[in-house]
Amino acid sequence: MADPSLIAHEIETMYAAYSGAFNHEDIESVVRYISAPYVMTIGGNPPMVAPTAGDVRHMFDANLVRMKGNGWTRSDYRIVHIWPLSPDHAFLLTDITRWKADGSMLEKGRYCYSVRRADPSWQVTGVTDVREPFTGPGDFPRT
């Protein structure tokens, strides 16, 4: 039987690597942690789907350009909770703060990720946001 605490540790490790790569604007490394197809549903808008690895890369390149255009320089995160759903699938809830070069906050958000075990690490299959005043699964307070 799979150990839920080991699964959570593996996902924490993956998410730290993913976030670090994004903060270094290393999109080539970022997309290693993203599954194709990938689905992003933000703000209740229609899902954005990247069916292939190339489409995933294009989506993340475009998101980085958009974020930098808004003044983004880095993101900090806190993992709120991880729910292992099976030995190879889990749900991850994070709070993210995005910062500008002058140290001011660009934005805060809460995001839910679906992740799956893939070789050689876990990969994100989809993401959605949790808008205030909602707290999302588990009703954990926001940080």
Protein backbone atom coordinates (compact mmCIF):
# COMPACT_ATOMS: atom_id res chain seq x y z
CA MET A 1 0.00 0.00 0.00
CA ALA A 2 1.25 3.48 -0.86
CA ASP A 3 2.28 5.74 2.03
CA PRO A 4 0.27 9.00 1.92
CA SER A 5 3.03 10.94 3.73
CA LEU A 6 5.60 9.78 1.17
CA ILE A 7 3.26 10.80 -1.67
CA ALA A 8 2.82 14.24 -0.06
CA HIS A 9 6.61 14.60 0.29
CA GLU A 10 7.15 13.69 -3.36
CA ILE A 11 4.57 16.28 -4.43
CA GLU A 12 6.08 18.96 -2.17
CA THR A 13 9.49 18.25 -3.73
CA MET A 14 8.06 18.45 -7.26
CA TYR A 15 6.21 21.69 -6.55
CA ALA A 16 9.31 23.30 -5.02
CA ALA A 17 11.31 22.41 -8.16
CA TYR A 18 8.53 23.65 -10.44
CA SER A 19 8.19 26.94 -8.55
CA GLY A 20 11.95 27.45 -8.42
CA ALA A 21 12.26 26.90 -12.15
CA PHE A 22 9.47 29.40 -12.81
CA ASN A 23 11.10 32.01 -10.56
CA HIS A 24 14.30 31.55 -12.57
CA GLU A 25 12.27 31.90 -15.77
CA ASP A 26 13.49 28.46 -16.84
CA ILE A 27 10.39 27.47 -18.77
CA GLU A 28 12.13 24.45 -20.29
CA SER A 29 12.45 23.01 -16.77
CA VAL A 30 8.98 24.21 -15.75
CA VAL A 31 7.25 22.25 -18.49
CA ARG A 32 8.88 19.00 -17.34
CA TYR A 33 6.50 19.24 -14.40
CA ILE A 34 3.42 19.81 -16.60
CA SER A 35 1.46 17.01 -18.24
CA ALA A 36 0.11 17.17 -21.76
CA PRO A 37 -2.76 17.55 -22.09
CA TYR A 38 -2.93 20.34 -19.52
CA VAL A 39 -6.04 22.27 -18.49
CA MET A 40 -6.18 25.71 -16.87
CA THR A 41 -9.50 27.05 -15.62
CA ILE A 42 -9.13 30.49 -14.04
CA GLY A 43 -11.95 32.64 -12.74
CA GLY A 44 -14.68 30.43 -14.13
CA ASN A 45 -13.60 31.25 -17.68
CA PRO A 46 -13.73 28.52 -20.30
CA PRO A 47 -10.89 26.05 -19.80
CA MET A 48 -7.66 26.73 -21.65
CA VAL A 49 -6.37 23.41 -22.91
CA ALA A 50 -2.85 22.65 -24.06
CA PRO A 51 -3.18 19.25 -25.77
CA THR A 52 0.51 18.70 -26.62
CA ALA A 53 3.87 19.35 -24.96
CA GLY A 54 4.47 22.10 -27.52
CA ASP A 55 1.17 23.74 -26.61
CA VAL A 56 2.09 23.53 -22.91
CA ARG A 57 5.39 25.28 -23.64
CA HIS A 58 3.60 27.98 -25.65
CA MET A 59 1.05 28.52 -22.83
CA PHE A 60 3.77 28.91 -20.19
CA ASP A 61 5.91 31.16 -22.39
CA ALA A 62 2.87 33.41 -22.93
CA ASN A 63 2.00 33.42 -19.21
CA LEU A 64 5.54 34.44 -18.30
CA VAL A 65 5.46 37.31 -20.81
CA ARG A 66 2.08 38.46 -19.46
CA MET A 67 3.21 38.29 -15.84
CA LYS A 68 6.46 40.15 -16.54
CA GLY A 69 4.44 42.77 -18.42
CA ASN A 70 2.48 43.29 -15.19
CA GLY A 71 5.73 43.82 -13.25
CA TRP A 72 6.22 40.30 -11.87
CA THR A 73 9.69 39.32 -10.69
CA ARG A 74 9.07 36.32 -8.41
CA SER A 75 6.44 34.25 -6.63
CA ASP A 76 6.36 32.82 -3.14
CA TYR A 77 4.12 29.93 -2.26
CA ARG A 78 2.84 28.02 0.72
CA ILE A 79 1.42 24.56 0.32
CA VAL A 80 -1.85 24.54 2.22
CA HIS A 81 -2.70 20.86 1.87
CA ILE A 82 -2.11 17.78 -0.26
CA TRP A 83 -4.76 15.10 -0.68
CA PRO A 84 -3.41 11.82 -2.08
CA LEU A 85 -6.25 10.33 -4.12
CA SER A 86 -4.44 7.15 -5.15
CA PRO A 87 -0.80 6.04 -5.37
CA ASP A 88 -0.51 7.98 -8.64
CA HIS A 89 -2.89 10.93 -8.31
CA ALA A 90 -3.31 13.77 -5.82
CA PHE A 91 -4.79 17.19 -5.28
CA LEU A 92 -2.61 20.12 -4.16
CA LEU A 93 -3.81 23.43 -2.66
CA THR A 94 -1.40 26.39 -2.51
CA ASP A 95 -1.41 30.06 -1.60
CA ILE A 96 0.78 32.14 -3.90
CA THR A 97 2.03 35.70 -3.57
CA ARG A 98 3.50 37.37 -6.65
CA TRP A 99 5.95 40.26 -6.21
CA LYS A 100 7.21 43.20 -8.24
CA ALA A 101 10.84 44.33 -8.52
CA ASP A 102 10.27 47.18 -6.05
CA GLY A 103 9.17 44.68 -3.38
CA SER A 104 5.49 45.52 -3.63
CA MET A 105 2.91 42.78 -3.94
CA LEU A 106 1.52 42.24 -7.41
CA GLU A 107 -1.20 39.79 -6.35
CA LYS A 108 -2.16 36.97 -4.03
CA GLY A 109 -4.07 33.89 -5.01
CA ARG A 110 -5.09 30.40 -4.03
CA TYR A 111 -4.76 27.60 -6.56
CA CYS A 112 -5.82 23.96 -6.76
CA TYR A 113 -3.68 21.59 -8.79
CA SER A 114 -4.42 18.10 -9.97
CA VAL A 115 -1.16 16.11 -10.14
CA ARG A 116 -0.26 12.67 -11.39
CA ARG A 117 2.76 10.44 -10.98
CA ALA A 118 4.82 10.54 -14.16
CA ASP A 119 8.33 9.52 -15.01
CA PRO A 120 10.64 10.81 -13.55
CA SER A 121 8.53 12.97 -11.21
CA TRP A 122 4.99 14.11 -10.55
CA GLN A 123 3.32 16.37 -13.12
CA VAL A 124 0.56 18.94 -12.94
CA THR A 125 -2.42 17.99 -15.11
CA GLY A 126 -4.57 21.01 -14.38
CA VAL A 127 -5.01 24.11 -12.28
CA THR A 128 -7.89 26.28 -11.15
CA ASP A 129 -8.05 29.27 -8.86
CA VAL A 130 -10.09 29.80 -5.70
CA ARG A 131 -11.45 33.34 -5.60
CA GLU A 132 -12.09 35.20 -2.36
CA PRO A 133 -14.14 34.92 -0.25
CA PHE A 134 -14.09 31.19 -1.01
CA THR A 135 -11.45 29.02 0.62
CA GLY A 136 -11.63 25.92 -1.57
CA PRO A 137 -11.41 22.29 -0.51
CA GLY A 138 -10.94 21.68 3.20
CA ASP A 139 -12.03 25.22 4.10
CA PHE A 140 -8.46 26.13 5.16
CA PRO A 141 -7.97 29.80 6.12
CA ARG A 142 -6.00 31.88 3.63
CA THR A 143 -2.49 32.98 4.49
